[in-house]
Protein backbone atom coordinates (compact mmCIF):
# COMPACT_ATOMS: atom_id res chain seq x y z
CA MET A 1 -15.08 89.81 23.27
CA ARG A 2 -13.34 86.64 22.19
CA ARG A 3 -15.54 84.21 20.29
CA ARG A 4 -15.89 80.67 21.50
CA VAL A 5 -14.16 78.13 19.31
CA SER A 6 -14.58 74.40 19.05
CA HIS A 7 -12.24 71.73 17.88
CA PHE A 8 -13.49 72.18 14.32
CA GLY A 9 -13.35 76.00 14.18
CA PRO A 10 -15.65 78.85 15.31
CA LEU A 11 -19.15 77.94 16.39
CA PRO A 12 -21.80 79.32 14.01
CA ARG A 13 -24.07 82.07 15.31
CA THR A 14 -27.02 80.93 13.23
CA ALA A 15 -27.23 78.04 10.80
CA PRO A 16 -24.08 76.04 10.09
CA THR A 17 -22.40 76.88 6.82
CA PRO A 18 -21.53 74.03 4.47
CA VAL A 19 -17.91 73.01 4.19
CA ALA A 20 -16.56 73.84 0.75
CA SER A 21 -14.41 70.77 0.39
CA GLN A 22 -17.31 68.48 1.28
CA SER A 23 -19.55 70.01 -1.38
CA GLN A 24 -16.88 69.66 -4.04
CA ALA A 25 -15.52 66.25 -3.14
CA VAL A 26 -16.91 63.03 -4.54
CA GLN A 27 -19.22 61.65 -1.88
CA PRO A 28 -20.30 58.05 -1.26
CA LEU A 29 -23.97 57.44 -1.98
CA PRO A 30 -26.60 55.90 0.33
CA GLN A 31 -27.75 52.38 -0.44
CA SER A 32 -31.40 53.47 -0.50
CA GLN A 33 -30.73 55.39 -3.72
CA GLY A 34 -28.74 52.59 -5.33
CA PRO A 35 -29.34 50.77 -8.60
CA GLY A 36 -32.09 48.23 -9.11
CA ARG A 37 -31.72 44.49 -9.26
CA LEU A 38 -31.39 44.40 -13.04
CA VAL A 39 -28.35 46.68 -13.04
CA ARG A 40 -26.78 45.09 -9.97
CA TRP A 41 -27.03 41.49 -11.16
CA ALA A 42 -25.88 42.40 -14.66
CA LEU A 43 -22.86 44.07 -13.03
CA TYR A 44 -22.06 41.10 -10.80
CA GLY A 45 -22.44 38.66 -13.69
CA PHE A 46 -20.09 40.73 -15.82
CA VAL A 47 -17.51 40.97 -13.01
CA PHE A 48 -17.69 37.21 -12.39
CA SER A 49 -17.00 36.49 -16.07
CA LEU A 50 -13.79 38.55 -15.95
CA ALA A 51 -11.87 35.60 -14.54
CA PHE A 52 -12.58 33.69 -17.75
CA ASP A 53 -11.57 36.37 -20.26
CA ALA A 54 -9.91 34.99 -23.39
CA PRO A 55 -9.22 37.70 -26.01
CA ASP A 56 -8.76 36.51 -29.62
CA ARG A 57 -9.77 32.96 -28.70
CA LEU A 58 -13.51 33.03 -29.53
CA PRO A 59 -15.53 34.84 -32.22
CA ILE A 60 -17.47 36.62 -29.47
CA GLU A 61 -15.60 36.66 -26.20
CA VAL A 62 -17.41 35.88 -22.99
CA THR A 63 -16.53 39.17 -21.32
CA THR A 64 -17.42 41.17 -24.44
CA PHE A 65 -20.88 39.57 -24.36
CA THR A 66 -21.42 40.00 -20.60
CA GLY A 67 -20.03 43.53 -20.78
CA ALA A 68 -22.50 44.39 -23.54
CA LEU A 69 -25.35 42.96 -21.46
CA PHE A 70 -24.28 45.07 -18.49
CA LEU A 71 -24.07 48.24 -20.59
CA LEU A 72 -27.53 47.45 -21.96
CA ALA A 73 -28.85 47.07 -18.41
CA THR A 74 -27.41 50.46 -17.41
CA LEU A 75 -29.84 52.10 -19.86
CA TRP A 76 -32.57 51.19 -17.37
CA GLN A 77 -31.09 53.77 -14.97
CA PRO A 78 -28.90 56.02 -17.15
CA ARG A 79 -28.75 58.99 -14.79
CA LEU A 80 -27.52 56.81 -11.95
CA CYS A 81 -24.97 54.90 -14.05
CA TYR A 82 -23.68 57.85 -16.07
CA GLY A 83 -24.65 60.84 -13.94
CA ARG A 84 -21.16 61.82 -12.86
CA ARG A 85 -18.40 62.35 -15.41
CA PRO A 86 -14.97 62.36 -13.72
CA ALA A 87 -12.02 64.18 -15.24
CA ALA A 88 -10.26 60.90 -16.06
CA LEU A 89 -13.18 59.98 -18.33
CA TRP A 90 -12.58 63.04 -20.52
CA TRP A 91 -8.88 62.21 -20.84
CA PHE A 92 -9.61 58.62 -21.83
CA GLY A 93 -12.19 59.95 -24.27
CA ALA A 94 -9.55 62.23 -25.77
CA PHE A 95 -7.34 59.18 -26.28
CA LEU A 96 -10.18 57.46 -28.15
CA CYS A 97 -10.59 60.47 -30.43
CA VAL A 98 -6.89 60.52 -31.25
CA TYR A 99 -6.94 56.77 -31.86
CA TRP A 100 -9.69 57.14 -34.44
CA LEU A 101 -7.99 60.10 -36.07
CA SER A 102 -4.78 58.08 -36.26
CA TYR A 103 -6.70 55.60 -38.41
CA VAL A 104 -7.86 58.35 -40.75
CA PHE A 105 -4.46 60.00 -41.12
CA GLY A 106 -2.14 57.14 -40.21
CA TYR A 107 -0.75 54.06 -41.89
CA PRO A 108 -3.21 52.32 -44.30
CA THR A 109 -5.01 49.44 -42.63
CA SER A 110 -8.22 47.46 -42.81
CA GLY A 111 -11.31 49.37 -41.72
CA VAL A 112 -12.69 46.24 -40.07
CA GLN A 113 -9.53 45.85 -37.97
CA ALA A 114 -9.61 49.52 -36.96
CA ALA A 115 -13.32 49.41 -36.08
CA LYS A 116 -12.85 46.25 -34.01
CA SER A 117 -10.02 47.78 -31.99
CA PHE A 118 -11.95 51.02 -31.51
CA VAL A 119 -15.05 49.14 -30.30
CA PHE A 120 -12.91 47.26 -27.74
CA TYR A 121 -11.47 50.51 -26.42
CA MET A 122 -14.86 52.24 -26.44
CA GLN A 123 -16.45 49.42 -24.48
CA GLY A 124 -13.65 49.59 -21.93
CA VAL A 125 -14.15 53.33 -21.40
CA LEU A 126 -17.95 52.93 -21.10
CA LEU A 127 -17.47 50.13 -18.56
CA PHE A 128 -15.07 52.38 -16.66
CA TRP A 129 -17.66 55.18 -16.63
CA ALA A 130 -20.57 53.02 -15.47
CA CYS A 131 -18.53 51.09 -12.90
CA PHE A 132 -17.17 54.33 -11.41
CA ASN A 133 -20.68 55.63 -10.75
CA LEU A 134 -21.90 52.33 -9.35
CA MET A 135 -18.84 51.70 -7.18
CA ARG A 136 -19.52 54.92 -5.30
CA TYR A 137 -21.98 52.76 -3.35
CA ASP A 138 -20.03 51.02 -0.59
CA GLY A 139 -22.18 47.87 -0.64
CA ILE A 140 -21.75 47.40 -4.37
CA THR A 141 -17.98 47.87 -4.10
CA LYS A 142 -17.73 45.17 -1.44
CA ARG A 143 -19.79 42.73 -3.50
CA ILE A 144 -17.72 43.39 -6.60
CA LEU A 145 -14.51 42.69 -4.69
CA MET A 146 -15.94 39.50 -3.21
CA THR A 147 -17.18 38.41 -6.66
CA ILE A 148 -13.66 38.78 -8.06
CA VAL A 149 -12.29 36.74 -5.16
CA VAL A 150 -14.82 33.93 -5.77
CA ALA A 151 -14.16 33.90 -9.52
CA SER A 152 -10.38 33.92 -8.97
CA ALA A 153 -10.66 31.03 -6.51
CA ILE A 154 -12.69 28.99 -9.02
CA LEU A 155 -10.15 29.73 -11.75
CA ALA A 156 -7.34 28.72 -9.38
CA ILE A 157 -9.05 25.42 -8.51
CA MET A 158 -9.60 24.65 -12.20
CA THR A 159 -5.93 25.38 -12.91
CA ILE A 160 -4.63 23.23 -10.05
CA LEU A 161 -6.99 20.28 -10.64
CA GLY A 162 -6.65 20.40 -14.40
CA ILE A 163 -10.34 21.09 -15.11
CA GLY A 164 -10.56 22.32 -18.68
CA LYS A 165 -6.79 22.83 -18.60
CA LEU A 166 -4.62 22.85 -21.68
CA HIS A 167 -0.88 23.29 -22.11
CA GLU A 168 0.94 25.60 -24.46
CA THR A 169 3.01 23.48 -26.82
CA ASP A 170 6.02 25.78 -26.83
CA SER A 171 6.42 26.39 -23.11
CA GLY A 172 4.22 23.86 -21.31
CA ARG A 173 2.42 26.59 -19.35
CA ALA A 174 -0.95 25.60 -17.90
CA VAL A 175 -3.99 27.47 -19.21
CA VAL A 176 -7.73 26.98 -18.66
CA PHE A 177 -10.05 26.91 -21.67
CA GLY A 178 -7.23 28.15 -23.87
CA GLN A 179 -6.83 31.46 -22.04
CA ASP A 180 -3.67 33.43 -22.44
CA PRO A 181 -1.56 32.45 -19.38
CA ASN A 182 -0.52 36.06 -18.75
CA LEU A 183 -4.13 37.27 -18.78
CA ALA A 184 -5.18 34.47 -16.44
CA ALA A 185 -2.25 35.26 -14.13
CA ARG A 186 -3.25 38.93 -14.13
CA THR A 187 -6.76 38.01 -12.99
CA LEU A 188 -5.40 35.73 -10.28
CA CYS A 189 -3.01 38.47 -9.13
CA VAL A 190 -5.91 40.90 -8.75
CA GLY A 191 -7.91 38.35 -6.78
CA LEU A 192 -5.00 37.57 -4.45
CA LEU A 193 -4.40 41.25 -3.70
CA ILE A 194 -8.10 41.66 -2.92
CA VAL A 195 -7.92 38.73 -0.48
CA VAL A 196 -5.03 40.36 1.36
CA GLY A 197 -6.69 43.78 1.19
CA LEU A 198 -10.02 42.58 2.58
CA ALA A 199 -8.19 40.92 5.46
CA TYR A 200 -5.46 43.46 6.28
CA GLY A 201 -5.72 46.53 4.06
CA ARG A 202 -9.10 48.10 4.84
CA ALA A 203 -10.32 50.09 7.83
CA ARG A 204 -12.97 47.42 8.40
CA ARG A 205 -12.27 43.80 7.62
CA VAL A 206 -14.62 42.19 5.15
CA LEU A 207 -13.08 38.73 4.89
CA ARG A 208 -13.98 36.81 8.03
CA PRO A 209 -12.71 34.73 9.68
CA LEU A 210 -9.24 36.16 9.21
CA LEU A 211 -7.59 32.74 9.00
CA MET A 212 -9.49 32.09 5.76
CA ALA A 213 -7.31 34.65 3.95
CA TRP A 214 -4.11 32.60 4.06
CA PRO A 215 -5.51 29.38 2.48
CA LEU A 216 -7.25 31.46 -0.20
CA ALA A 217 -4.05 33.38 -0.93
CA ALA A 218 -2.04 30.13 -1.08
CA LEU A 219 -4.57 28.58 -3.47
CA ILE A 220 -4.52 31.52 -5.88
CA GLY A 221 -0.76 31.93 -5.57
CA LEU A 222 -0.18 28.27 -6.50
CA ALA A 223 -2.28 28.76 -9.64
CA ILE A 224 -0.18 31.81 -10.59
CA ILE A 225 3.00 29.76 -10.22
CA LEU A 226 1.58 26.94 -12.37
CA GLY A 227 0.83 29.51 -15.06
CA GLY A 228 4.51 30.43 -15.21
CA SER A 229 4.01 34.19 -15.64
CA ARG A 230 7.19 35.92 -14.49
CA GLY A 231 5.87 39.45 -14.98
CA GLN A 232 2.76 38.84 -12.89
CA LEU A 233 4.82 37.45 -10.02
CA VAL A 234 6.81 40.69 -10.00
CA ALA A 235 3.57 42.72 -10.15
CA LEU A 236 2.18 40.65 -7.28
CA ALA A 237 5.30 41.32 -5.18
CA VAL A 238 4.98 45.07 -5.80
CA GLY A 239 1.29 45.01 -4.89
CA LEU A 240 1.95 43.05 -1.71
CA TRP A 241 4.71 45.44 -0.69
CA ALA A 242 2.24 48.33 -0.90
CA PHE A 243 0.46 46.89 2.15
CA SER A 244 3.52 47.73 4.25
CA LEU A 245 2.69 51.42 3.75
CA THR A 246 -0.50 51.27 5.79
CA GLY A 247 -1.03 51.59 9.53
CA ASN A 248 -1.86 54.47 11.87
CA THR A 249 0.87 53.56 14.36
CA PHE A 250 4.48 52.47 14.10
CA GLY A 251 3.59 49.05 15.49
CA ALA A 252 0.85 48.57 12.89
CA ARG A 253 3.25 49.44 10.08
CA ILE A 254 5.80 46.96 11.41
CA LYS A 255 3.10 44.29 11.58
CA HIS A 256 1.93 44.94 8.02
CA SER A 257 5.52 45.02 6.77
CA ILE A 258 6.15 41.61 8.33
CA VAL A 259 2.99 40.23 6.71
CA ALA A 260 4.03 41.65 3.31
CA ILE A 261 7.59 40.30 3.58
CA LEU A 262 6.30 36.90 4.70
CA ALA A 263 3.82 36.70 1.81
CA ILE A 264 6.42 37.76 -0.78
CA GLY A 265 8.92 35.28 0.65
CA LEU A 266 6.45 32.39 0.53
CA PHE A 267 5.46 33.07 -3.08
CA THR A 268 9.10 33.48 -4.10
CA TRP A 269 9.98 30.18 -2.46
CA GLY A 270 7.03 28.48 -4.15
CA ALA A 271 8.03 29.86 -7.55
CA LEU A 272 11.58 28.57 -7.13
CA GLN A 273 10.21 25.06 -6.44
CA SER A 274 8.38 24.97 -9.76
CA PRO A 275 10.40 23.35 -12.61
CA LEU A 276 8.49 25.46 -15.15
CA MET A 277 9.25 28.69 -13.31
CA GLN A 278 12.88 27.65 -12.86
CA ARG A 279 13.23 27.18 -16.62
CA ARG A 280 11.62 30.53 -17.38
CA ILE A 281 13.75 32.37 -14.82
CA GLN A 282 16.86 30.75 -16.26
CA LYS A 283 15.85 31.88 -19.76
CA ALA A 284 15.44 35.42 -18.47
CA ARG A 285 18.94 35.32 -17.00
CA LEU A 286 20.28 34.28 -20.41
CA GLY A 287 18.50 37.18 -22.10
CA ASN A 288 15.52 35.21 -23.44
CA LEU A 289 12.48 37.38 -22.62
CA ALA A 290 9.98 35.72 -24.97
CA GLN A 291 11.13 37.94 -27.86
CA ARG A 292 10.62 41.13 -25.88
CA GLU A 293 14.33 41.78 -26.30
CA ASP A 294 13.55 42.28 -30.02
CA ILE A 295 10.04 43.72 -29.74
CA PHE A 296 10.83 46.61 -27.40
CA PRO A 297 13.63 48.18 -29.51
CA ALA A 298 11.59 47.80 -32.71
CA ALA A 299 8.51 49.38 -31.10
CA TRP A 300 10.58 52.24 -29.71
CA GLN A 301 12.01 52.89 -33.16
CA MET A 302 8.46 52.98 -34.56
CA PHE A 303 7.57 55.66 -32.03
CA LYS A 304 10.63 57.71 -32.95
CA ASP A 305 9.69 57.48 -36.63
CA ARG A 306 6.20 58.90 -35.95
CA PRO A 307 6.35 60.51 -32.50
CA LEU A 308 3.35 62.79 -32.83
CA THR A 309 0.50 60.74 -34.34
CA GLY A 310 1.77 57.16 -34.31
CA TRP A 311 0.84 54.44 -36.78
CA GLY A 312 -2.81 54.06 -35.88
CA PRO A 313 -4.57 50.67 -35.57
CA ALA A 314 -2.00 49.26 -38.04
CA SER A 315 0.82 49.58 -35.51
CA GLN A 316 0.83 45.85 -34.71
CA THR A 317 0.96 45.00 -38.42
CA VAL A 318 3.87 47.39 -38.94
CA LEU A 319 5.64 45.88 -35.94
CA ALA A 320 5.29 42.36 -37.35
CA ILE A 321 6.74 43.55 -40.67
CA ARG A 322 9.69 45.23 -38.97
CA LEU A 323 10.40 42.08 -36.98
CA ARG A 324 10.33 40.15 -40.28
CA LEU A 325 7.83 37.63 -38.98
CA PRO A 326 6.39 35.17 -41.51
CA PRO A 327 2.96 36.50 -42.62
CA ALA A 328 1.53 33.00 -42.69
CA GLN A 329 2.03 32.72 -38.92
CA HIS A 330 2.06 36.29 -37.60
CA LEU A 331 0.12 38.99 -39.39
CA THR A 332 0.40 41.20 -36.30
CA ARG A 333 2.62 41.42 -33.23
CA GLY A 334 1.74 43.12 -29.99
CA THR A 335 4.21 45.36 -28.20
CA HIS A 336 3.86 43.40 -24.90
CA ASN A 337 3.91 46.78 -23.17
CA LEU A 338 0.94 49.08 -22.60
CA PHE A 339 2.91 52.29 -22.86
CA LEU A 340 4.71 51.27 -26.04
CA ALA A 341 1.36 50.21 -27.51
CA VAL A 342 -0.16 53.64 -26.84
CA LEU A 343 2.92 55.45 -28.15
CA THR A 344 3.14 53.42 -31.37
CA SER A 345 -0.59 53.61 -32.14
CA THR A 346 -1.41 57.23 -31.23
CA GLY A 347 1.94 58.94 -30.61
CA LEU A 348 2.27 61.68 -28.04
CA LEU A 349 -1.12 63.15 -28.99
CA GLY A 350 -2.85 60.06 -27.63
CA ALA A 351 -0.32 58.94 -25.04
CA ILE A 352 -0.44 62.20 -23.05
CA PRO A 353 -4.21 62.18 -22.35
CA PHE A 354 -4.13 58.43 -21.68
CA MET A 355 -1.32 58.82 -19.14
CA ILE A 356 -3.12 61.74 -17.48
CA GLY A 357 -6.19 59.52 -17.07
CA LEU A 358 -4.05 56.79 -15.51
CA TRP A 359 -2.40 59.29 -13.19
CA LEU A 360 -5.75 60.67 -12.01
CA CYS A 361 -6.88 57.16 -11.08
CA THR A 362 -3.58 56.52 -9.29
CA TRP A 363 -3.77 59.80 -7.39
CA ALA A 364 -7.35 59.04 -6.29
CA ALA A 365 -6.18 55.65 -5.00
CA TRP A 366 -3.37 57.33 -3.07
CA LYS A 367 -5.78 59.79 -1.46
CA ALA A 368 -8.13 56.95 -0.56
CA ARG A 369 -5.51 55.17 1.56
CA ARG A 370 -6.85 57.04 4.62
CA GLY A 371 -10.44 56.12 3.86
CA THR A 372 -12.45 52.98 4.38
CA GLU A 373 -10.89 51.22 1.38
CA GLY A 374 -7.45 51.61 2.92
CA ILE A 375 -4.34 50.71 0.97
CA LEU A 376 -6.02 48.19 -1.36
CA PRO A 377 -6.57 50.67 -4.25
CA VAL A 378 -2.91 51.72 -4.03
CA ALA A 379 -1.79 48.07 -4.12
CA GLN A 380 -3.95 47.38 -7.17
CA MET A 381 -2.68 50.43 -9.05
CA ALA A 382 0.95 49.66 -8.19
CA ALA A 383 0.53 46.12 -9.54
CA LEU A 384 -1.31 47.48 -12.59
CA TRP A 385 1.56 49.79 -13.55
CA VAL A 386 4.14 47.02 -13.18
CA ALA A 387 2.04 44.36 -14.92
CA ASN A 388 1.65 46.53 -18.02
CA LEU A 389 5.42 46.76 -18.45
CA THR A 390 5.56 43.24 -19.90
CA ILE A 391 2.02 42.80 -21.32
CA ASN A 392 -0.44 45.24 -22.85
CA PHE A 393 -3.67 44.89 -20.85
CA ILE A 394 -5.53 47.80 -22.44
CA VAL A 395 -8.26 45.51 -23.81
CA LEU A 396 -8.54 43.59 -20.54
CA LYS A 397 -11.88 44.68 -19.10
CA LEU A 398 -10.78 43.83 -15.58
CA GLN A 399 -8.23 46.61 -15.89
CA TRP A 400 -10.94 49.18 -16.62
CA VAL A 401 -12.90 47.94 -13.60
CA LEU A 402 -9.79 48.39 -11.45
CA LEU A 403 -9.33 51.94 -12.75
CA ALA A 404 -12.95 52.69 -11.87
CA TYR A 405 -12.42 51.20 -8.40
CA ALA A 406 -9.30 53.31 -7.82
CA LEU A 407 -11.10 56.48 -8.88
CA ALA A 408 -14.25 55.71 -6.89
CA SER A 409 -12.28 54.74 -3.78
CA ALA A 410 -11.74 58.43 -3.03
CA SER A 411 -15.51 58.57 -2.36
CA PHE A 412 -15.02 56.57 0.83
CA LEU A 413 -12.73 58.95 2.67
CA THR A 414 -13.64 59.20 6.32
CA PRO A 415 -15.23 62.50 7.46
CA GLN A 416 -12.09 63.27 9.46
CA ALA A 417 -9.90 62.87 6.37
CA ARG A 418 -12.14 65.16 4.33
CA GLN A 419 -12.29 67.85 7.00
CA GLN A 420 -8.59 67.85 7.89
CA PRO A 421 -7.51 70.58 5.38
CA VAL A 422 -10.52 72.71 6.34
CA VAL A 423 -9.81 72.30 10.05
CA ARG A 424 -6.24 73.51 9.65
CA ALA A 425 -7.33 76.47 7.51
CA SER A 426 -10.02 77.45 10.02
CA ALA A 427 -7.60 77.25 12.94
CA SER A 428 -5.07 79.47 11.16
CA ARG A 429 -7.74 82.10 10.41
CA ILE A 430 -8.84 82.09 14.08
CA ARG A 431 -5.28 82.64 15.27
CA ARG A 432 -4.86 85.59 12.90
CA ARG A 433 -8.08 87.20 14.11
CA GLU A 434 -7.21 86.76 17.77
CA GLY A 435 -3.66 88.08 17.23
């Protein structure tokens, strides 16, 4: 007698059996079991402060302080904040171990300098771990995204109106509170992509009314142009283009492609109207890349000299020496590239686990494109990869939050997306039995 089958496979005779993929996959968590107010408000306060990050400008940076307060608050609910340990965490942890070993066996350097760098990296990984567990709650993820949008909008208004704004003496680029213009532009780029994603990139729109997205995007985009960051404009264009990949129908994809092309065109036109951006683009055409044309070859040669273990925390000091920079002005020199920074400091032993961790976060974002978060995690990761080609953002805490968001976004796959591989496997087994 032929068994009755349903759309999702054979009907159970007794109790339904659990689906294997659902028990193994990362699942979103109900709000009733979420963190308490102490953890939540410490998290939101930390995320809000990310728009005002200023590494190497203050003795104790604002985001280092707020990040420490957040990590202290997570001890109130440690099982909830650190209960799940994703595979990417172990790979980033392996990178930290190699980084410390590179100090022990690498080029001689100050122990204070090495400890400071290690603490920065350790804090970033701990923030990544805690944020991943907390962002598995859909409500918390939405509030974090909205907090970044609000903070980015405030930073954009301050940049445009000149509130607390300074100018770099060498280039005339506008900065707020002495922030690095590239770091500020990176924060604004993240906020702008979130605005577009909340309006067009998710299964359910969060930003309402929809018309509010365009003025917000224009406001943040104008601040990016005033900052004069060429690399972040390219990263923004790549992130915006990722939105053209979404859509369940051909018409929806065409619509999203038009929106992406229109947004990229408007920001490109705005950048070409800026005298500052025109000067910087002209310098790039003439081969002036803010000394990157000298830094990149020297850093690559450092990696080839020590390809396995790298130079340890002293890599920036060695790079400054090789570039023959005056010690009175430049004791260290950054690589201006995340991947070169990892290669020169830890060699292949540290770069391989770090890149695996990045890839796991990127792959999770790609899988999540069919879930409730939509294409936004993919857009953020695409912009992250491109942005780190011209600046090393490894100590930027916003980057670790974005990695946690990309990894946690796979939690919000729709039930249909999770069951699809199981449905196909069940149907194939039924056909074999009936044949």
